[in-house]
């Protein structure tokens, strides 16, 4: 019988925004996707200094190990790229703009040791919590991501994770290497706001 993976809980995590003093923490970060580790080590802090994106480092409190990171930036969703029925439903609600605001998950990466323990889902909900704070001052409707599809290995397939686990949809446009996806956060944010 396969051993059940123990899930990571929010109280197991410490989140810090990347800075110069994290150099030792990130220099040995390993990922099953080398480009993701390379971005963290070489580009994340520089992008942040240029106000391009913000990278959140996730540490396991018990071990003080860097278990992953999440990079966020602003984006927009072109309504013409959405499913025609969805586009029409926005128009019927009086939302007839060419684009709507979004937060983009630029990078989401979890250390191999901590994969399949719910960390990616926690990062998604953390992104939603940031959207709730933003929406107190600036409108934001969607979460977007350019997912990495791995057709040879469903277990390492970001498209499958975003679609099946989190409820993202593919945008109409085709990009086989990194399919753009979106999540309409309006309903879930409304529900989360009512609990706060």
N, C-alpha and C. Protein backbone atom coordinates (compact mmCIF):
# COMPACT_ATOMS: atom_id res chain seq x y z
N UNK A 1 0.84 -1.18 0.00
CA UNK A 1 0.00 0.00 0.00
C UNK A 1 0.89 1.25 0.00
N UNK A 2 0.54 2.22 -0.84
CA UNK A 2 1.32 3.44 -0.98
C UNK A 2 1.14 4.31 0.26
N UNK A 3 2.27 4.83 0.78
CA UNK A 3 2.24 5.71 1.94
C UNK A 3 1.63 7.05 1.56
N UNK A 4 0.70 7.52 2.37
CA UNK A 4 0.04 8.79 2.10
C UNK A 4 0.96 9.95 2.46
N UNK A 5 1.09 10.90 1.54
CA UNK A 5 1.94 12.07 1.76
C UNK A 5 1.31 12.97 2.82
N UNK A 6 2.12 13.43 3.77
CA UNK A 6 1.64 14.36 4.79
C UNK A 6 1.60 15.77 4.18
N UNK A 7 0.46 16.43 4.31
CA UNK A 7 0.28 17.76 3.74
C UNK A 7 0.96 18.81 4.61
N UNK A 8 1.46 19.83 3.96
CA UNK A 8 2.02 20.99 4.65
C UNK A 8 0.84 21.91 5.00
N UNK A 9 0.84 22.43 6.20
CA UNK A 9 -0.23 23.33 6.65
C UNK A 9 0.29 24.78 6.64
N UNK A 10 -0.61 25.75 6.56
CA UNK A 10 -0.17 27.16 6.56
C UNK A 10 0.71 27.51 7.77
N UNK A 11 0.41 26.92 8.91
CA UNK A 11 1.21 27.23 10.11
C UNK A 11 2.61 26.63 10.07
N UNK A 12 2.89 25.77 9.08
CA UNK A 12 4.23 25.19 8.89
C UNK A 12 5.14 26.09 8.06
N UNK A 13 4.58 27.18 7.52
CA UNK A 13 5.26 28.01 6.52
C UNK A 13 5.58 29.40 7.06
N UNK A 14 6.74 29.90 6.68
CA UNK A 14 7.12 31.30 6.90
C UNK A 14 7.37 31.88 5.51
N UNK A 15 6.75 33.01 5.22
CA UNK A 15 6.87 33.63 3.89
C UNK A 15 7.64 34.93 4.03
N UNK A 16 8.65 35.10 3.17
CA UNK A 16 9.45 36.32 3.16
C UNK A 16 9.60 36.78 1.72
N UNK A 17 9.60 38.10 1.54
CA UNK A 17 9.87 38.66 0.22
C UNK A 17 11.38 38.62 0.01
N UNK A 18 11.79 38.17 -1.16
CA UNK A 18 13.22 38.01 -1.45
C UNK A 18 13.97 39.33 -1.27
N UNK A 19 15.19 39.22 -0.72
CA UNK A 19 16.07 40.38 -0.56
C UNK A 19 17.51 39.89 -0.61
N UNK A 20 18.44 40.82 -0.50
CA UNK A 20 19.86 40.46 -0.56
C UNK A 20 20.26 39.45 0.51
N UNK A 21 19.63 39.53 1.68
CA UNK A 21 20.05 38.64 2.76
C UNK A 21 19.59 37.18 2.56
N UNK A 22 18.89 36.89 1.47
CA UNK A 22 18.48 35.51 1.17
C UNK A 22 19.47 34.77 0.26
N UNK A 23 20.58 35.40 -0.06
CA UNK A 23 21.52 34.81 -1.01
C UNK A 23 21.90 33.37 -0.63
N UNK A 24 22.22 33.13 0.63
CA UNK A 24 22.59 31.77 1.05
C UNK A 24 21.42 30.79 0.95
N UNK A 25 20.22 31.27 1.22
CA UNK A 25 19.04 30.40 1.17
C UNK A 25 18.71 29.93 -0.23
N UNK A 26 18.96 30.79 -1.22
CA UNK A 26 18.54 30.46 -2.59
C UNK A 26 19.62 29.82 -3.44
N UNK A 27 20.89 29.99 -3.09
CA UNK A 27 21.96 29.56 -4.00
C UNK A 27 21.98 28.06 -4.27
N UNK A 28 21.47 27.26 -3.37
CA UNK A 28 21.45 25.81 -3.58
C UNK A 28 20.06 25.26 -3.86
N UNK A 29 19.12 26.15 -4.19
CA UNK A 29 17.75 25.69 -4.46
C UNK A 29 17.72 24.81 -5.70
N UNK A 30 17.07 23.68 -5.60
CA UNK A 30 16.97 22.72 -6.71
C UNK A 30 15.50 22.56 -7.12
N UNK A 31 15.31 22.40 -8.41
CA UNK A 31 13.98 22.20 -8.95
C UNK A 31 14.02 21.11 -10.01
N UNK A 32 12.90 20.43 -10.18
CA UNK A 32 12.81 19.44 -11.26
C UNK A 32 12.80 20.13 -12.62
N UNK A 33 12.57 21.45 -12.63
CA UNK A 33 12.66 22.26 -13.84
C UNK A 33 13.83 23.23 -13.63
N UNK A 34 15.00 22.96 -14.21
CA UNK A 34 16.19 23.79 -13.97
C UNK A 34 15.98 25.28 -14.22
N UNK A 35 15.16 25.64 -15.21
CA UNK A 35 14.91 27.06 -15.50
C UNK A 35 14.30 27.78 -14.30
N UNK A 36 13.48 27.08 -13.52
CA UNK A 36 12.84 27.71 -12.37
C UNK A 36 13.84 28.01 -11.26
N UNK A 37 14.78 27.12 -11.04
CA UNK A 37 15.83 27.37 -10.05
C UNK A 37 16.74 28.49 -10.54
N UNK A 38 17.06 28.46 -11.81
CA UNK A 38 17.91 29.50 -12.40
C UNK A 38 17.28 30.88 -12.27
N UNK A 39 15.97 30.99 -12.51
CA UNK A 39 15.28 32.27 -12.36
C UNK A 39 15.42 32.78 -10.93
N UNK A 40 15.19 31.92 -9.96
CA UNK A 40 15.26 32.34 -8.56
C UNK A 40 16.66 32.84 -8.22
N UNK A 41 17.66 32.11 -8.62
CA UNK A 41 19.04 32.43 -8.26
C UNK A 41 19.56 33.66 -9.01
N UNK A 42 19.21 33.78 -10.29
CA UNK A 42 19.81 34.83 -11.12
C UNK A 42 18.93 36.05 -11.40
N UNK A 43 17.60 35.89 -11.42
CA UNK A 43 16.76 36.98 -11.91
C UNK A 43 15.72 37.52 -10.94
N UNK A 44 15.28 36.75 -9.97
CA UNK A 44 14.14 37.15 -9.14
C UNK A 44 14.38 38.48 -8.42
N UNK A 45 15.52 38.60 -7.76
CA UNK A 45 15.80 39.83 -7.01
C UNK A 45 15.97 41.03 -7.94
N UNK A 46 16.64 40.83 -9.06
CA UNK A 46 16.82 41.94 -10.02
C UNK A 46 15.48 42.41 -10.58
N UNK A 47 14.60 41.46 -10.92
CA UNK A 47 13.27 41.84 -11.41
C UNK A 47 12.51 42.64 -10.36
N UNK A 48 12.66 42.23 -9.12
CA UNK A 48 11.96 42.92 -8.03
C UNK A 48 12.50 44.35 -7.87
N UNK A 49 13.81 44.51 -7.95
CA UNK A 49 14.41 45.85 -7.84
C UNK A 49 13.93 46.77 -8.96
N UNK A 50 13.58 46.21 -10.10
CA UNK A 50 13.10 46.98 -11.25
C UNK A 50 11.57 47.13 -11.26
N UNK A 51 10.90 46.69 -10.17
CA UNK A 51 9.43 46.73 -10.06
C UNK A 51 8.72 45.95 -11.16
N UNK A 52 9.32 44.85 -11.58
CA UNK A 52 8.72 43.99 -12.59
C UNK A 52 7.88 42.90 -11.93
N UNK A 53 8.37 42.36 -10.83
CA UNK A 53 7.67 41.29 -10.12
C UNK A 53 8.11 41.28 -8.67
N UNK A 54 7.38 40.51 -7.85
CA UNK A 54 7.74 40.30 -6.45
C UNK A 54 7.81 38.80 -6.22
N UNK A 55 8.89 38.36 -5.57
CA UNK A 55 9.07 36.94 -5.30
C UNK A 55 8.97 36.67 -3.80
N UNK A 56 8.09 35.73 -3.48
CA UNK A 56 7.85 35.31 -2.09
C UNK A 56 8.53 33.98 -1.86
N UNK A 57 9.44 33.95 -0.90
CA UNK A 57 10.13 32.72 -0.54
C UNK A 57 9.35 32.02 0.57
N UNK A 58 9.16 30.72 0.40
CA UNK A 58 8.40 29.92 1.38
C UNK A 58 9.37 29.00 2.11
N UNK A 59 9.47 29.20 3.42
CA UNK A 59 10.35 28.40 4.26
C UNK A 59 9.55 27.47 5.15
N UNK A 60 10.05 26.26 5.34
CA UNK A 60 9.47 25.31 6.28
C UNK A 60 9.97 25.72 7.66
N UNK A 61 9.08 26.10 8.56
CA UNK A 61 9.47 26.64 9.86
C UNK A 61 10.32 25.65 10.67
N UNK A 62 9.91 24.39 10.68
CA UNK A 62 10.60 23.39 11.50
C UNK A 62 12.06 23.19 11.08
N UNK A 63 12.30 23.17 9.76
CA UNK A 63 13.65 22.89 9.26
C UNK A 63 14.38 24.13 8.75
N UNK A 64 13.66 25.25 8.63
CA UNK A 64 14.18 26.50 8.06
C UNK A 64 14.64 26.31 6.61
N UNK A 65 14.14 25.27 5.95
CA UNK A 65 14.51 24.98 4.56
C UNK A 65 13.61 25.76 3.60
N UNK A 66 14.23 26.28 2.53
CA UNK A 66 13.45 26.92 1.47
C UNK A 66 12.73 25.82 0.70
N UNK A 67 11.40 25.82 0.79
CA UNK A 67 10.64 24.75 0.14
C UNK A 67 10.04 25.16 -1.20
N UNK A 68 10.11 26.45 -1.50
CA UNK A 68 9.59 26.89 -2.79
C UNK A 68 9.49 28.40 -2.85
N UNK A 69 9.02 28.87 -3.99
CA UNK A 69 8.83 30.31 -4.14
C UNK A 69 7.69 30.58 -5.11
N UNK A 70 7.16 31.80 -4.99
CA UNK A 70 6.04 32.26 -5.80
C UNK A 70 6.39 33.66 -6.28
N UNK A 71 6.34 33.88 -7.59
CA UNK A 71 6.62 35.21 -8.16
C UNK A 71 5.34 35.74 -8.78
N UNK A 72 4.95 36.95 -8.38
CA UNK A 72 3.72 37.57 -8.87
C UNK A 72 4.01 38.89 -9.57
N UNK A 73 3.19 39.20 -10.57
CA UNK A 73 3.25 40.47 -11.28
C UNK A 73 1.87 40.79 -11.81
N UNK A 74 1.70 41.97 -12.34
CA UNK A 74 0.39 42.34 -12.88
C UNK A 74 0.26 41.84 -14.32
N UNK A 75 -0.99 41.72 -14.75
CA UNK A 75 -1.29 41.21 -16.08
C UNK A 75 -2.68 41.70 -16.46
N UNK A 76 -3.15 41.30 -17.60
CA UNK A 76 -4.54 41.55 -18.00
C UNK A 76 -5.00 40.39 -18.88
N UNK A 77 -6.30 40.21 -18.92
CA UNK A 77 -6.89 39.18 -19.76
C UNK A 77 -7.66 39.87 -20.87
N UNK A 78 -7.29 39.58 -22.11
CA UNK A 78 -8.00 40.12 -23.27
C UNK A 78 -9.28 39.31 -23.45
N UNK A 79 -10.42 39.98 -23.31
CA UNK A 79 -11.69 39.25 -23.37
C UNK A 79 -11.91 38.57 -24.70
N UNK A 80 -11.32 39.09 -25.78
CA UNK A 80 -11.50 38.45 -27.09
C UNK A 80 -10.89 37.05 -27.11
N UNK A 81 -9.95 36.77 -26.16
CA UNK A 81 -9.31 35.46 -26.12
C UNK A 81 -10.10 34.45 -25.30
N UNK A 82 -11.13 34.91 -24.60
CA UNK A 82 -11.94 34.01 -23.79
C UNK A 82 -12.95 33.26 -24.65
N UNK A 83 -13.47 32.21 -24.09
CA UNK A 83 -14.55 31.46 -24.72
C UNK A 83 -15.68 32.45 -25.08
N UNK A 84 -16.24 32.37 -26.29
CA UNK A 84 -17.27 33.33 -26.71
C UNK A 84 -18.46 33.42 -25.74
N UNK A 85 -18.86 32.30 -25.14
CA UNK A 85 -19.98 32.34 -24.18
C UNK A 85 -19.61 33.13 -22.93
N UNK A 86 -18.39 32.96 -22.47
CA UNK A 86 -17.93 33.68 -21.29
C UNK A 86 -17.81 35.17 -21.61
N UNK A 87 -17.26 35.47 -22.76
CA UNK A 87 -17.14 36.86 -23.19
C UNK A 87 -18.52 37.52 -23.24
N UNK A 88 -19.50 36.81 -23.78
CA UNK A 88 -20.87 37.34 -23.87
C UNK A 88 -21.47 37.52 -22.47
N UNK A 89 -21.16 36.60 -21.55
CA UNK A 89 -21.70 36.73 -20.19
C UNK A 89 -21.14 37.99 -19.51
N UNK A 90 -19.89 38.34 -19.78
CA UNK A 90 -19.33 39.58 -19.25
C UNK A 90 -20.06 40.78 -19.85
N UNK A 91 -20.29 40.73 -21.16
CA UNK A 91 -20.98 41.83 -21.84
C UNK A 91 -22.37 42.04 -21.27
N UNK A 92 -23.07 40.92 -20.98
CA UNK A 92 -24.42 41.00 -20.43
C UNK A 92 -24.43 41.59 -19.01
N UNK A 93 -23.32 41.49 -18.31
CA UNK A 93 -23.21 42.07 -16.96
C UNK A 93 -22.73 43.51 -17.01
N UNK A 94 -22.60 44.07 -18.21
CA UNK A 94 -22.14 45.44 -18.35
C UNK A 94 -20.64 45.59 -18.31
N UNK A 95 -19.91 44.47 -18.44
CA UNK A 95 -18.45 44.51 -18.46
C UNK A 95 -18.03 44.31 -19.91
N UNK A 96 -17.91 45.43 -20.60
CA UNK A 96 -17.64 45.38 -22.04
C UNK A 96 -16.34 46.12 -22.36
N UNK A 97 -15.27 45.66 -21.74
CA UNK A 97 -13.96 46.25 -21.94
C UNK A 97 -13.10 45.28 -22.74
N UNK A 98 -12.08 45.78 -23.44
CA UNK A 98 -11.24 44.85 -24.19
C UNK A 98 -10.38 43.96 -23.29
N UNK A 99 -10.01 44.49 -22.11
CA UNK A 99 -9.20 43.69 -21.18
C UNK A 99 -9.70 43.88 -19.76
N UNK A 100 -9.39 42.91 -18.91
CA UNK A 100 -9.71 43.01 -17.48
C UNK A 100 -8.43 42.74 -16.69
N UNK A 101 -8.29 43.37 -15.52
CA UNK A 101 -7.05 43.26 -14.75
C UNK A 101 -6.85 41.89 -14.11
N UNK A 102 -5.56 41.56 -13.95
CA UNK A 102 -5.21 40.25 -13.40
C UNK A 102 -3.90 40.33 -12.63
N UNK A 103 -3.71 39.35 -11.77
CA UNK A 103 -2.41 39.07 -11.16
C UNK A 103 -1.89 37.84 -11.88
N UNK A 104 -0.62 37.89 -12.24
CA UNK A 104 -0.03 36.76 -12.94
C UNK A 104 0.92 36.00 -12.01
N UNK A 105 0.77 34.70 -12.00
CA UNK A 105 1.74 33.84 -11.34
C UNK A 105 2.86 33.66 -12.37
N UNK A 106 3.92 34.44 -12.20
CA UNK A 106 5.03 34.39 -13.14
C UNK A 106 5.85 33.12 -12.97
N UNK A 107 6.04 32.73 -11.72
CA UNK A 107 6.76 31.50 -11.40
C UNK A 107 6.15 30.92 -10.13
N UNK A 108 6.05 29.62 -10.10
CA UNK A 108 5.63 28.89 -8.90
C UNK A 108 6.47 27.62 -8.91
N UNK A 109 7.29 27.44 -7.89
CA UNK A 109 8.21 26.31 -7.89
C UNK A 109 8.33 25.76 -6.47
N UNK A 110 8.30 24.46 -6.37
CA UNK A 110 8.37 23.77 -5.09
C UNK A 110 9.52 22.77 -5.12
N UNK A 111 10.32 22.78 -4.08
CA UNK A 111 11.42 21.83 -3.94
C UNK A 111 10.88 20.41 -4.06
N UNK A 112 11.64 19.56 -4.73
CA UNK A 112 11.22 18.17 -4.99
C UNK A 112 10.75 17.45 -3.73
N UNK A 113 11.43 17.68 -2.62
CA UNK A 113 11.10 17.02 -1.36
C UNK A 113 9.70 17.38 -0.85
N UNK A 114 9.20 18.56 -1.23
CA UNK A 114 7.93 19.05 -0.71
C UNK A 114 6.80 19.04 -1.75
N UNK A 115 7.06 18.47 -2.92
CA UNK A 115 6.01 18.39 -3.94
C UNK A 115 4.94 17.38 -3.52
N UNK A 116 3.73 17.60 -4.01
CA UNK A 116 2.57 16.76 -3.73
C UNK A 116 2.19 16.75 -2.24
N UNK A 117 2.47 17.88 -1.59
CA UNK A 117 2.12 18.03 -0.17
C UNK A 117 1.20 19.24 0.03
N UNK A 118 0.64 19.74 -1.05
CA UNK A 118 -0.33 20.82 -0.95
C UNK A 118 0.26 22.23 -0.96
N UNK A 119 1.57 22.36 -1.17
CA UNK A 119 2.20 23.68 -1.14
C UNK A 119 1.73 24.54 -2.32
N UNK A 120 1.62 23.96 -3.51
CA UNK A 120 1.14 24.72 -4.68
C UNK A 120 -0.25 25.27 -4.46
N UNK A 121 -1.11 24.48 -3.84
CA UNK A 121 -2.47 24.94 -3.55
C UNK A 121 -2.44 26.07 -2.52
N UNK A 122 -1.57 25.95 -1.51
CA UNK A 122 -1.43 27.03 -0.52
C UNK A 122 -0.94 28.31 -1.19
N UNK A 123 -0.04 28.17 -2.17
CA UNK A 123 0.46 29.35 -2.89
C UNK A 123 -0.66 30.02 -3.68
N UNK A 124 -1.55 29.22 -4.25
CA UNK A 124 -2.70 29.76 -4.98
C UNK A 124 -3.59 30.56 -4.02
N UNK A 125 -3.89 30.01 -2.85
CA UNK A 125 -4.73 30.72 -1.89
C UNK A 125 -4.03 31.96 -1.34
N UNK A 126 -2.72 31.91 -1.24
CA UNK A 126 -1.97 33.09 -0.83
C UNK A 126 -2.12 34.19 -1.89
N UNK A 127 -2.07 33.80 -3.16
CA UNK A 127 -2.29 34.76 -4.25
C UNK A 127 -3.68 35.37 -4.15
N UNK A 128 -4.68 34.55 -3.83
CA UNK A 128 -6.04 35.08 -3.64
C UNK A 128 -6.08 36.08 -2.48
N UNK A 129 -5.36 35.80 -1.41
CA UNK A 129 -5.36 36.73 -0.27
C UNK A 129 -4.74 38.07 -0.67
N UNK A 130 -3.73 38.03 -1.51
CA UNK A 130 -3.13 39.27 -2.01
C UNK A 130 -4.14 40.02 -2.88
N UNK A 131 -4.89 39.29 -3.71
CA UNK A 131 -5.92 39.92 -4.55
C UNK A 131 -6.97 40.62 -3.70
N UNK A 132 -7.36 40.00 -2.59
CA UNK A 132 -8.36 40.62 -1.71
C UNK A 132 -7.83 41.95 -1.18
N UNK A 133 -6.55 41.97 -0.77
CA UNK A 133 -5.96 43.22 -0.28
C UNK A 133 -5.89 44.27 -1.39
N UNK A 134 -5.49 43.85 -2.58
CA UNK A 134 -5.41 44.78 -3.72
C UNK A 134 -6.77 45.36 -4.04
N UNK A 135 -7.79 44.51 -4.01
CA UNK A 135 -9.13 44.94 -4.40
C UNK A 135 -9.76 45.95 -3.45
N UNK A 136 -9.12 46.20 -2.33
CA UNK A 136 -9.60 47.28 -1.46
C UNK A 136 -9.27 48.63 -2.06
N UNK A 137 -8.28 48.67 -2.97
CA UNK A 137 -7.83 49.92 -3.56
C UNK A 137 -7.85 49.95 -5.09
N UNK A 138 -7.68 48.79 -5.73
CA UNK A 138 -7.57 48.71 -7.19
C UNK A 138 -8.30 47.45 -7.65
N UNK A 139 -9.07 47.55 -8.72
CA UNK A 139 -9.79 46.38 -9.22
C UNK A 139 -8.86 45.33 -9.82
N UNK A 140 -9.18 44.09 -9.55
CA UNK A 140 -8.42 42.96 -10.11
C UNK A 140 -9.35 41.75 -10.14
N UNK A 141 -9.49 41.11 -11.27
CA UNK A 141 -10.51 40.06 -11.46
C UNK A 141 -9.94 38.66 -11.63
N UNK A 142 -8.82 38.52 -12.35
CA UNK A 142 -8.32 37.21 -12.73
C UNK A 142 -6.95 36.90 -12.13
N UNK A 143 -6.66 35.62 -12.08
CA UNK A 143 -5.30 35.14 -11.88
C UNK A 143 -4.91 34.46 -13.18
N UNK A 144 -3.73 34.77 -13.69
CA UNK A 144 -3.27 34.16 -14.93
C UNK A 144 -1.96 33.43 -14.68
N UNK A 145 -1.65 32.54 -15.60
CA UNK A 145 -0.38 31.80 -15.54
C UNK A 145 -0.09 31.27 -16.94
N UNK A 146 1.18 31.21 -17.29
CA UNK A 146 1.61 30.51 -18.49
C UNK A 146 2.16 29.18 -18.00
N UNK A 147 1.33 28.16 -18.04
CA UNK A 147 1.68 26.86 -17.44
C UNK A 147 2.65 26.09 -18.32
N UNK A 148 3.46 25.30 -17.68
CA UNK A 148 4.41 24.45 -18.42
C UNK A 148 3.78 23.08 -18.59
N UNK A 149 3.56 22.71 -19.82
CA UNK A 149 2.93 21.42 -20.11
C UNK A 149 4.00 20.37 -20.38
N UNK A 150 3.86 19.23 -19.74
CA UNK A 150 4.77 18.11 -19.95
C UNK A 150 3.91 16.92 -20.36
N UNK A 151 3.77 16.70 -21.66
CA UNK A 151 2.89 15.64 -22.16
C UNK A 151 3.41 14.25 -21.87
N UNK A 152 4.72 14.14 -21.58
CA UNK A 152 5.31 12.84 -21.30
C UNK A 152 5.11 12.39 -19.87
N UNK A 153 4.82 13.31 -18.97
CA UNK A 153 4.73 12.97 -17.55
C UNK A 153 3.62 13.78 -16.90
N UNK A 154 2.44 13.18 -16.74
CA UNK A 154 1.30 13.87 -16.13
C UNK A 154 1.58 14.30 -14.70
N UNK A 155 2.50 13.62 -13.99
CA UNK A 155 2.81 13.99 -12.62
C UNK A 155 3.60 15.29 -12.54
N UNK A 156 4.26 15.67 -13.61
CA UNK A 156 5.01 16.92 -13.66
C UNK A 156 4.37 17.88 -14.65
N UNK A 157 3.07 17.89 -14.70
CA UNK A 157 2.35 18.68 -15.68
C UNK A 157 1.61 19.82 -15.00
N UNK A 158 2.13 21.06 -15.16
CA UNK A 158 1.52 22.21 -14.52
C UNK A 158 0.12 22.48 -15.07
N UNK A 159 -0.10 22.23 -16.36
CA UNK A 159 -1.43 22.45 -16.94
C UNK A 159 -2.46 21.60 -16.21
N UNK A 160 -2.13 20.35 -15.99
CA UNK A 160 -3.04 19.44 -15.28
C UNK A 160 -3.30 19.96 -13.86
N UNK A 161 -2.26 20.39 -13.15
CA UNK A 161 -2.41 20.91 -11.79
C UNK A 161 -3.32 22.13 -11.76
N UNK A 162 -3.05 23.11 -12.63
CA UNK A 162 -3.84 24.34 -12.61
C UNK A 162 -5.30 24.07 -13.01
N UNK A 163 -5.50 23.19 -13.97
CA UNK A 163 -6.86 22.91 -14.45
C UNK A 163 -7.64 22.03 -13.47
N UNK A 164 -7.07 20.91 -13.09
CA UNK A 164 -7.79 19.93 -12.29
C UNK A 164 -7.87 20.30 -10.81
N UNK A 165 -6.76 20.71 -10.26
CA UNK A 165 -6.71 21.00 -8.82
C UNK A 165 -7.28 22.37 -8.49
N UNK A 166 -6.96 23.38 -9.32
CA UNK A 166 -7.31 24.76 -8.97
C UNK A 166 -8.47 25.34 -9.77
N UNK A 167 -8.85 24.73 -10.88
CA UNK A 167 -9.99 25.21 -11.65
C UNK A 167 -9.68 26.29 -12.67
N UNK A 168 -8.45 26.37 -13.12
CA UNK A 168 -8.08 27.31 -14.19
C UNK A 168 -8.63 26.80 -15.52
N UNK A 169 -8.82 27.72 -16.46
CA UNK A 169 -9.22 27.39 -17.83
C UNK A 169 -8.14 27.87 -18.79
N UNK A 170 -8.05 27.19 -19.93
CA UNK A 170 -7.12 27.62 -20.97
C UNK A 170 -7.69 28.82 -21.70
N UNK A 171 -6.84 29.78 -22.03
CA UNK A 171 -7.27 30.87 -22.89
C UNK A 171 -7.45 30.32 -24.30
N UNK A 172 -8.18 31.02 -25.13
CA UNK A 172 -8.47 30.55 -26.49
C UNK A 172 -7.21 30.40 -27.33
N UNK A 173 -6.24 31.29 -27.11
CA UNK A 173 -5.02 31.25 -27.93
C UNK A 173 -4.25 29.97 -27.67
N UNK A 174 -3.47 29.55 -28.64
CA UNK A 174 -2.70 28.32 -28.55
C UNK A 174 -1.23 28.64 -28.35
N UNK A 175 -0.63 28.01 -27.37
CA UNK A 175 0.79 28.10 -27.11
C UNK A 175 1.15 26.76 -26.49
N UNK A 176 1.73 25.87 -27.28
CA UNK A 176 1.93 24.50 -26.83
C UNK A 176 2.97 24.36 -25.73
N UNK A 177 3.99 25.23 -25.73
CA UNK A 177 5.05 25.10 -24.73
C UNK A 177 4.60 25.61 -23.36
N UNK A 178 3.96 26.77 -23.32
CA UNK A 178 3.49 27.37 -22.07
C UNK A 178 2.06 27.88 -22.26
N UNK A 179 1.08 26.99 -22.23
CA UNK A 179 -0.30 27.43 -22.49
C UNK A 179 -0.78 28.47 -21.47
N UNK A 180 -1.26 29.62 -21.94
CA UNK A 180 -1.79 30.63 -21.02
C UNK A 180 -3.11 30.16 -20.44
N UNK A 181 -3.26 30.35 -19.13
CA UNK A 181 -4.47 29.92 -18.43
C UNK A 181 -4.97 31.07 -17.56
N UNK A 182 -6.25 31.01 -17.19
CA UNK A 182 -6.82 32.06 -16.35
C UNK A 182 -7.78 31.44 -15.34
N UNK A 183 -7.95 32.15 -14.24
CA UNK A 183 -8.91 31.78 -13.20
C UNK A 183 -9.70 33.03 -12.87
N UNK A 184 -11.03 32.96 -13.01
CA UNK A 184 -11.89 34.09 -12.66
C UNK A 184 -12.12 34.04 -11.16
N UNK A 185 -11.47 34.93 -10.43
CA UNK A 185 -11.47 34.88 -8.97
C UNK A 185 -12.66 35.60 -8.34
N UNK A 186 -13.55 36.15 -9.13
CA UNK A 186 -14.63 36.99 -8.60
C UNK A 186 -15.48 36.26 -7.56
N UNK A 187 -16.00 35.09 -7.90
CA UNK A 187 -16.91 34.40 -6.97
C UNK A 187 -16.20 33.96 -5.69
N UNK A 188 -15.04 33.37 -5.83
CA UNK A 188 -14.33 32.88 -4.66
C UNK A 188 -13.86 34.04 -3.78
N UNK A 189 -13.48 35.16 -4.40
CA UNK A 189 -13.06 36.32 -3.61
C UNK A 189 -14.23 36.90 -2.85
N UNK A 190 -15.39 36.92 -3.47
CA UNK A 190 -16.60 37.42 -2.81
C UNK A 190 -16.90 36.57 -1.57
N UNK A 191 -16.77 35.26 -1.72
CA UNK A 191 -17.00 34.34 -0.62
C UNK A 191 -15.94 34.51 0.48
N UNK A 192 -14.67 34.65 0.10
CA UNK A 192 -13.60 34.81 1.08
C UNK A 192 -13.73 36.14 1.82
N UNK A 193 -14.11 37.21 1.12
CA UNK A 193 -14.28 38.51 1.75
C UNK A 193 -15.37 38.45 2.82
N UNK A 194 -16.42 37.68 2.56
CA UNK A 194 -17.52 37.59 3.52
C UNK A 194 -17.10 36.86 4.80
N UNK A 195 -16.04 36.07 4.74
CA UNK A 195 -15.55 35.34 5.92
C UNK A 195 -14.59 36.16 6.77
N UNK A 196 -14.05 37.21 6.14
CA UNK A 196 -13.02 38.02 6.85
C UNK A 196 -13.67 39.04 7.75
